[in-house]
Amino acid sequence: MPNALADEARSMTDGELGEAINEAYREVFNLQFQRGTRQLQNPMAMRQARRQVARLRTILRERQLAEAAGTPIEPLARVADVEEVDELEESAESVEQPDDAASEEE
C-alpha cells in the first residue's frame, strides 16, 4: 500500500529532505513533552511521528546508497491499476491447466 507521505518525500531535494527530518524530530520531541505533562490528546500521534522519522531517514539512506553505488535511484515498483491486475488474473485463468487424470494415465 503506497504511502502518500513517502511519495511526497521522494520528490524532495536532499536539502528539503534534511529539513523535513529535522521537523519530524522536533514533532517527536514536542509530543514526548506533551506526553510527559499529560497534555497529549492523541496517543497515536507519537507512533505516527516516529514512523515518519523512520520513513524520511530510509529515503535519505536509499539516496546515499544509490549515490555510493553510482546508480540512479528509481522508485520502487508498484502494482499498477486494479484493472490491470484483474486482466492479468483473467489471462492466467484462461490458460488451460493440464488435467491431472490424463497425466496419471500416461
Protein backbone atom coordinates (compact mmCIF):
# COMPACT_ATOMS: atom_id res chain seq x y z
CA MET A 1 0.00 0.00 0.00
CA PRO A 2 1.74 3.15 -1.19
CA ASN A 3 2.16 5.97 1.26
CA ALA A 4 1.42 9.48 0.03
CA LEU A 5 3.88 10.99 2.52
CA ALA A 6 6.68 8.75 1.26
CA ASP A 7 5.89 9.62 -2.35
CA GLU A 8 6.00 13.31 -1.46
CA ALA A 9 9.30 12.85 0.39
CA ARG A 10 10.85 11.07 -2.60
CA SER A 11 10.12 14.12 -4.74
CA MET A 12 12.03 16.42 -2.32
CA THR A 13 15.59 17.56 -2.81
CA ASP A 14 18.26 16.43 -0.33
CA GLY A 15 18.15 19.79 1.46
CA GLU A 16 14.38 19.73 1.77
CA LEU A 17 14.53 16.14 2.97
CA GLY A 18 17.02 17.11 5.69
CA GLU A 19 14.74 19.92 6.83
CA ALA A 20 11.76 17.54 6.87
CA ILE A 21 13.73 15.09 9.04
CA ASN A 22 14.62 17.87 11.49
CA GLU A 23 11.00 18.98 11.61
CA ALA A 24 9.85 15.40 12.23
CA TYR A 25 12.33 15.07 15.11
CA ARG A 26 11.01 18.33 16.59
CA GLU A 27 7.49 16.93 16.36
CA VAL A 28 8.54 13.76 18.20
CA PHE A 29 10.20 15.89 20.90
CA ASN A 30 7.09 18.06 21.30
CA LEU A 31 4.86 15.01 21.54
CA GLN A 32 7.13 13.46 24.17
CA PHE A 33 6.96 16.69 26.15
CA GLN A 34 3.16 16.72 25.88
CA ARG A 35 3.01 13.11 26.99
CA GLY A 36 5.22 13.88 29.99
CA THR A 37 2.97 16.75 31.07
CA ARG A 38 -0.16 14.69 30.37
CA GLN A 39 -1.34 17.07 27.66
CA LEU A 40 -1.14 14.63 24.75
CA GLN A 41 -4.56 14.43 23.13
CA ASN A 42 -3.83 11.69 20.57
CA PRO A 43 -1.53 8.89 21.76
CA MET A 44 -1.27 7.54 18.20
CA ALA A 45 0.44 10.76 17.16
CA MET A 46 3.66 9.55 18.82
CA ARG A 47 3.67 6.39 16.74
CA GLN A 48 2.88 8.27 13.55
CA ALA A 49 5.63 10.83 14.19
CA ARG A 50 8.25 8.16 14.90
CA ARG A 51 7.27 6.31 11.76
CA GLN A 52 7.53 9.49 9.73
CA VAL A 53 11.07 10.00 11.02
CA ALA A 54 11.93 6.43 10.04
CA ARG A 55 10.31 6.84 6.63
CA LEU A 56 12.26 10.01 5.87
CA ARG A 57 15.56 8.58 7.10
CA THR A 58 15.01 5.47 4.98
CA ILE A 59 14.52 7.57 1.87
CA LEU A 60 17.66 9.58 2.69
CA ARG A 61 19.64 6.35 3.19
CA GLU A 62 18.35 4.96 -0.12
CA ARG A 63 19.74 8.05 -1.82
CA GLN A 64 23.09 7.75 -0.04
CA LEU A 65 23.46 4.12 -1.04
CA ALA A 66 22.47 4.82 -4.63
CA GLU A 67 24.97 7.66 -4.80
CA ALA A 68 27.75 5.46 -3.37
CA ALA A 69 26.95 2.73 -5.88
CA GLY A 70 26.78 5.23 -8.72
CA THR A 71 23.35 4.09 -9.82
CA PRO A 72 20.36 6.35 -10.25
CA ILE A 73 17.61 5.67 -7.75
CA GLU A 74 14.29 4.58 -9.14
CA PRO A 75 11.01 4.42 -7.27
CA LEU A 76 10.02 1.02 -6.03
CA ALA A 77 7.92 -0.99 -8.42
CA ARG A 78 4.27 -0.72 -7.54
CA VAL A 79 1.32 -2.76 -8.58
CA ALA A 80 -0.43 -0.99 -11.41
CA ASP A 81 -4.10 -0.20 -11.51
CA VAL A 82 -6.60 -2.69 -10.17
CA GLU A 83 -7.95 -3.12 -13.70
CA GLU A 84 -4.55 -4.30 -14.94
CA VAL A 85 -4.31 -6.78 -12.07
CA ASP A 86 -7.79 -8.09 -12.90
CA GLU A 87 -6.76 -8.51 -16.54
CA LEU A 88 -3.68 -10.47 -15.51
CA GLU A 89 -5.75 -12.73 -13.28
CA GLU A 90 -8.25 -13.34 -16.08
CA SER A 91 -5.50 -14.18 -18.54
CA ALA A 92 -3.95 -16.59 -16.01
CA GLU A 93 -7.31 -18.30 -15.53
CA SER A 94 -7.83 -18.63 -19.27
CA VAL A 95 -4.63 -20.65 -19.68
CA GLU A 96 -5.60 -24.28 -19.75
CA GLN A 97 -4.14 -26.31 -16.94
CA PRO A 98 -3.14 -29.92 -17.68
CA ASP A 99 -5.66 -32.45 -16.48
CA ASP A 100 -4.24 -34.48 -13.57
CA ALA A 101 -6.19 -37.59 -14.56
CA ALA A 102 -4.81 -37.53 -18.12
CA SER A 103 -1.25 -37.13 -16.91
CA GLU A 104 -1.61 -40.07 -14.49
CA GLU A 105 -2.67 -42.44 -17.29
CA GLU A 106 0.47 -41.78 -19.33
